[in-house]
N, C-alpha and C. Protein backbone atom coordinates (compact mmCIF):
# COMPACT_ATOMS: atom_id res chain seq x y z
N UNK A 1 54.57 45.34 48.94
CA UNK A 1 54.74 46.13 50.14
C UNK A 1 53.38 46.64 50.61
N UNK A 2 53.09 46.49 51.86
CA UNK A 2 51.81 46.87 52.43
C UNK A 2 51.84 48.33 52.88
N UNK A 3 50.78 49.07 52.56
CA UNK A 3 50.70 50.47 53.02
C UNK A 3 50.49 50.49 54.52
N UNK A 4 51.23 51.37 55.19
CA UNK A 4 51.06 51.49 56.63
C UNK A 4 49.92 52.45 56.92
N UNK A 5 49.20 52.23 58.01
CA UNK A 5 48.11 53.15 58.34
C UNK A 5 48.66 54.53 58.65
N UNK A 6 47.84 55.53 58.41
CA UNK A 6 48.25 56.92 58.65
C UNK A 6 48.54 57.13 60.13
N UNK A 7 49.59 57.88 60.39
CA UNK A 7 49.93 58.23 61.76
C UNK A 7 48.99 59.35 62.23
N UNK A 8 48.73 59.37 63.51
CA UNK A 8 47.78 60.31 64.09
C UNK A 8 48.43 61.67 64.39
N UNK A 9 47.76 62.73 63.97
CA UNK A 9 48.20 64.08 64.30
C UNK A 9 48.23 64.29 65.81
N UNK A 10 47.20 63.85 66.50
CA UNK A 10 47.11 64.06 67.95
C UNK A 10 48.25 63.34 68.67
N UNK A 11 48.55 62.12 68.27
CA UNK A 11 49.64 61.38 68.90
C UNK A 11 50.97 62.06 68.60
N UNK A 12 51.22 62.40 67.34
CA UNK A 12 52.48 63.05 66.96
C UNK A 12 52.64 64.38 67.69
N UNK A 13 51.58 65.17 67.74
CA UNK A 13 51.64 66.47 68.42
C UNK A 13 51.88 66.29 69.92
N UNK A 14 51.16 65.37 70.54
CA UNK A 14 51.32 65.12 71.98
C UNK A 14 52.74 64.68 72.31
N UNK A 15 53.25 63.74 71.53
CA UNK A 15 54.61 63.26 71.76
C UNK A 15 55.63 64.38 71.55
N UNK A 16 55.40 65.19 70.54
CA UNK A 16 56.33 66.28 70.25
C UNK A 16 56.33 67.31 71.36
N UNK A 17 55.15 67.66 71.84
CA UNK A 17 55.04 68.66 72.90
C UNK A 17 55.62 68.16 74.22
N UNK A 18 55.31 66.91 74.57
CA UNK A 18 55.72 66.38 75.87
C UNK A 18 57.12 65.77 75.89
N UNK A 19 57.50 65.11 74.81
CA UNK A 19 58.75 64.34 74.80
C UNK A 19 59.64 64.65 73.60
N UNK A 20 59.39 65.79 72.98
CA UNK A 20 60.13 66.15 71.77
C UNK A 20 61.63 66.25 71.94
N UNK A 21 62.09 66.66 73.11
CA UNK A 21 63.54 66.77 73.29
C UNK A 21 64.22 65.41 73.29
N UNK A 22 63.45 64.35 73.47
CA UNK A 22 63.99 62.99 73.44
C UNK A 22 63.78 62.31 72.10
N UNK A 23 63.20 63.01 71.12
CA UNK A 23 63.02 62.46 69.79
C UNK A 23 61.90 61.46 69.63
N UNK A 24 61.06 61.32 70.65
CA UNK A 24 60.00 60.31 70.61
C UNK A 24 59.04 60.55 69.45
N UNK A 25 58.76 61.80 69.13
CA UNK A 25 57.88 62.12 68.01
C UNK A 25 58.47 61.65 66.69
N UNK A 26 59.77 61.81 66.51
CA UNK A 26 60.43 61.37 65.28
C UNK A 26 60.42 59.85 65.17
N UNK A 27 60.63 59.15 66.29
CA UNK A 27 60.54 57.69 66.27
C UNK A 27 59.14 57.27 65.86
N UNK A 28 58.11 57.91 66.43
CA UNK A 28 56.72 57.57 66.12
C UNK A 28 56.44 57.76 64.63
N UNK A 29 56.99 58.81 64.04
CA UNK A 29 56.74 59.09 62.63
C UNK A 29 57.60 58.24 61.70
N UNK A 30 58.48 57.42 62.25
CA UNK A 30 59.27 56.51 61.45
C UNK A 30 60.66 57.00 61.08
N UNK A 31 61.08 58.11 61.65
CA UNK A 31 62.41 58.66 61.39
C UNK A 31 63.37 58.22 62.50
N UNK A 32 63.82 56.97 62.44
CA UNK A 32 64.65 56.44 63.53
C UNK A 32 65.97 57.19 63.67
N UNK A 33 66.65 57.42 62.57
CA UNK A 33 67.93 58.12 62.62
C UNK A 33 67.80 59.52 63.19
N UNK A 34 66.79 60.25 62.72
CA UNK A 34 66.56 61.59 63.24
C UNK A 34 66.09 61.55 64.69
N UNK A 35 65.37 60.49 65.05
CA UNK A 35 64.95 60.33 66.45
C UNK A 35 66.15 60.20 67.37
N UNK A 36 67.13 59.37 66.97
CA UNK A 36 68.34 59.22 67.78
C UNK A 36 69.14 60.51 67.84
N UNK A 37 69.26 61.18 66.69
CA UNK A 37 70.00 62.44 66.67
C UNK A 37 69.33 63.49 67.55
N UNK A 38 68.03 63.55 67.46
CA UNK A 38 67.28 64.51 68.28
C UNK A 38 67.41 64.18 69.76
N UNK A 39 67.39 62.89 70.10
CA UNK A 39 67.54 62.47 71.50
C UNK A 39 68.94 62.80 72.02
N UNK A 40 69.95 62.52 71.22
CA UNK A 40 71.33 62.76 71.66
C UNK A 40 71.66 64.23 71.83
N UNK A 41 70.94 65.10 71.11
CA UNK A 41 71.19 66.55 71.22
C UNK A 41 70.15 67.24 72.09
N UNK A 42 69.32 66.43 72.77
CA UNK A 42 68.19 66.97 73.56
C UNK A 42 67.35 67.94 72.73
N UNK A 43 66.95 67.44 71.59
CA UNK A 43 66.10 68.23 70.70
C UNK A 43 66.81 69.46 70.17
N UNK A 44 68.11 69.31 69.90
CA UNK A 44 68.88 70.48 69.44
C UNK A 44 68.87 71.56 70.49
N UNK A 45 69.03 71.11 71.76
CA UNK A 45 68.94 72.00 72.94
C UNK A 45 67.61 72.75 72.97
N UNK A 46 66.57 72.07 72.53
CA UNK A 46 65.22 72.62 72.58
C UNK A 46 64.76 73.29 71.31
N UNK A 47 65.70 73.75 70.49
CA UNK A 47 65.33 74.47 69.26
C UNK A 47 64.64 73.54 68.28
N UNK A 48 65.23 72.39 68.02
CA UNK A 48 64.67 71.41 67.10
C UNK A 48 63.31 70.93 67.61
N UNK A 49 63.21 70.71 68.91
CA UNK A 49 61.95 70.27 69.50
C UNK A 49 60.86 71.32 69.28
N UNK A 50 61.20 72.59 69.47
CA UNK A 50 60.25 73.69 69.24
C UNK A 50 59.81 73.72 67.78
N UNK A 51 60.77 73.61 66.88
CA UNK A 51 60.47 73.66 65.44
C UNK A 51 59.56 72.50 65.04
N UNK A 52 59.81 71.31 65.57
CA UNK A 52 58.97 70.16 65.23
C UNK A 52 57.53 70.35 65.70
N UNK A 53 57.33 70.92 66.87
CA UNK A 53 55.96 71.20 67.33
C UNK A 53 55.28 72.16 66.35
N UNK A 54 55.98 73.20 65.96
CA UNK A 54 55.42 74.17 65.02
C UNK A 54 55.12 73.50 63.67
N UNK A 55 56.02 72.65 63.20
CA UNK A 55 55.79 71.97 61.92
C UNK A 55 54.60 71.02 61.99
N UNK A 56 54.43 70.33 63.11
CA UNK A 56 53.28 69.45 63.25
C UNK A 56 51.99 70.27 63.31
N UNK A 57 52.01 71.36 64.07
CA UNK A 57 50.81 72.21 64.18
C UNK A 57 50.45 72.88 62.86
N UNK A 58 51.42 73.10 61.99
CA UNK A 58 51.14 73.73 60.70
C UNK A 58 50.95 72.71 59.58
N UNK A 59 50.88 71.43 59.94
CA UNK A 59 50.65 70.33 58.99
C UNK A 59 51.75 70.23 57.94
N UNK A 60 52.98 70.54 58.33
CA UNK A 60 54.10 70.48 57.40
C UNK A 60 54.98 69.25 57.61
N UNK A 61 54.78 68.51 58.69
CA UNK A 61 55.59 67.33 58.96
C UNK A 61 54.79 66.09 58.62
N UNK A 62 55.34 65.25 57.77
CA UNK A 62 54.69 64.00 57.37
C UNK A 62 55.46 62.83 57.96
N UNK A 63 54.89 61.64 57.87
CA UNK A 63 55.62 60.47 58.37
C UNK A 63 56.71 60.07 57.38
N UNK A 64 57.50 59.08 57.74
CA UNK A 64 58.64 58.68 56.93
C UNK A 64 58.24 58.15 55.54
N UNK A 65 57.00 57.73 55.39
CA UNK A 65 56.52 57.25 54.09
C UNK A 65 55.90 58.38 53.26
N UNK A 66 55.89 59.59 53.79
CA UNK A 66 55.33 60.74 53.08
C UNK A 66 53.85 60.95 53.28
N UNK A 67 53.25 60.21 54.19
CA UNK A 67 51.81 60.34 54.45
C UNK A 67 51.54 61.50 55.40
N UNK A 68 50.48 62.25 55.11
CA UNK A 68 50.07 63.32 56.02
C UNK A 68 49.48 62.70 57.27
N UNK A 69 49.49 63.44 58.35
CA UNK A 69 48.97 62.94 59.63
C UNK A 69 47.45 63.02 59.65
N UNK A 70 46.82 61.96 60.12
CA UNK A 70 45.36 61.93 60.14
C UNK A 70 44.82 62.71 61.34
N UNK A 71 43.68 63.34 61.14
CA UNK A 71 43.01 64.05 62.22
C UNK A 71 43.46 65.48 62.41
N UNK A 72 44.21 66.03 61.46
CA UNK A 72 44.73 67.39 61.59
C UNK A 72 43.59 68.42 61.63
N UNK A 73 42.73 68.40 60.62
CA UNK A 73 41.70 69.44 60.52
C UNK A 73 40.74 69.44 61.70
N UNK A 74 40.47 68.26 62.27
CA UNK A 74 39.54 68.17 63.40
C UNK A 74 40.16 68.65 64.71
N UNK A 75 41.48 68.61 64.82
CA UNK A 75 42.12 68.86 66.11
C UNK A 75 43.09 70.04 66.14
N UNK A 76 43.31 70.70 65.02
CA UNK A 76 44.35 71.73 64.96
C UNK A 76 44.08 72.92 65.89
N UNK A 77 42.85 73.35 66.01
CA UNK A 77 42.55 74.52 66.84
C UNK A 77 42.80 74.22 68.32
N UNK A 78 42.30 73.09 68.79
CA UNK A 78 42.50 72.72 70.19
C UNK A 78 43.98 72.51 70.48
N UNK A 79 44.68 71.82 69.59
CA UNK A 79 46.10 71.55 69.79
C UNK A 79 46.91 72.84 69.80
N UNK A 80 46.62 73.74 68.88
CA UNK A 80 47.35 75.01 68.82
C UNK A 80 47.08 75.84 70.06
N UNK A 81 45.83 75.93 70.48
CA UNK A 81 45.48 76.69 71.67
C UNK A 81 46.16 76.12 72.91
N UNK A 82 46.10 74.81 73.07
CA UNK A 82 46.73 74.16 74.21
C UNK A 82 48.24 74.39 74.22
N UNK A 83 48.86 74.28 73.06
CA UNK A 83 50.30 74.49 72.94
C UNK A 83 50.68 75.91 73.34
N UNK A 84 49.94 76.88 72.86
CA UNK A 84 50.22 78.28 73.21
C UNK A 84 50.06 78.52 74.70
N UNK A 85 49.05 77.92 75.31
CA UNK A 85 48.86 78.06 76.76
C UNK A 85 50.04 77.45 77.51
N UNK A 86 50.46 76.26 77.11
CA UNK A 86 51.59 75.59 77.76
C UNK A 86 52.84 76.45 77.63
N UNK A 87 53.11 76.98 76.45
CA UNK A 87 54.31 77.79 76.24
C UNK A 87 54.28 79.10 77.04
N UNK A 88 53.11 79.74 77.10
CA UNK A 88 52.99 80.99 77.87
C UNK A 88 53.20 80.72 79.36
N UNK A 89 52.59 79.66 79.86
CA UNK A 89 52.77 79.30 81.28
C UNK A 89 54.23 78.96 81.56
N UNK A 90 54.86 78.21 80.68
CA UNK A 90 56.28 77.86 80.86
C UNK A 90 57.16 79.10 80.87
N UNK A 91 56.92 80.02 79.96
CA UNK A 91 57.69 81.27 79.93
C UNK A 91 57.45 82.10 81.19
N UNK A 92 56.22 82.14 81.66
CA UNK A 92 55.92 82.88 82.88
C UNK A 92 56.64 82.25 84.08
N UNK A 93 56.65 80.94 84.16
CA UNK A 93 57.36 80.27 85.25
C UNK A 93 58.86 80.52 85.19
N UNK A 94 59.42 80.50 84.00
CA UNK A 94 60.85 80.80 83.85
C UNK A 94 61.13 82.22 84.29
N UNK A 95 60.25 83.16 83.92
CA UNK A 95 60.45 84.55 84.32
C UNK A 95 60.35 84.72 85.81
N UNK A 96 59.38 84.08 86.45
CA UNK A 96 59.21 84.17 87.90
C UNK A 96 60.43 83.58 88.63
N UNK A 97 60.85 82.41 88.18
CA UNK A 97 62.03 81.77 88.80
C UNK A 97 63.26 82.64 88.60
N UNK A 98 63.39 83.24 87.42
CA UNK A 98 64.52 84.12 87.15
C UNK A 98 64.52 85.36 88.04
N UNK A 99 63.36 85.90 88.31
CA UNK A 99 63.25 87.08 89.16
C UNK A 99 63.51 86.74 90.63
N UNK A 100 63.18 85.51 91.01
CA UNK A 100 63.36 85.09 92.39
C UNK A 100 64.80 84.70 92.72
N UNK A 101 65.51 84.26 91.71
CA UNK A 101 66.85 83.73 91.98
C UNK A 101 67.88 84.57 91.38
């Protein structure tokens, strides 16, 4: 059996942040069954998608073969900062829309 190359932290994080409710991050990491389940539940109505982003940012999610994601230490600060900015802006937009409607 041939060892598969390490999956990229940046790719996994990007997919999780942008398309996590569709399970794309889980498919990328080799978890096909969980990818389908996540897609069918829309990321557990967003909860599972949120948790996966946090797990990837905290280096707790590995690929299906148990390999850690490559590039974590070099990119964790930028990825975490960007994620927090995206979440704060999204919450602000939800609050503004809620106040307007």
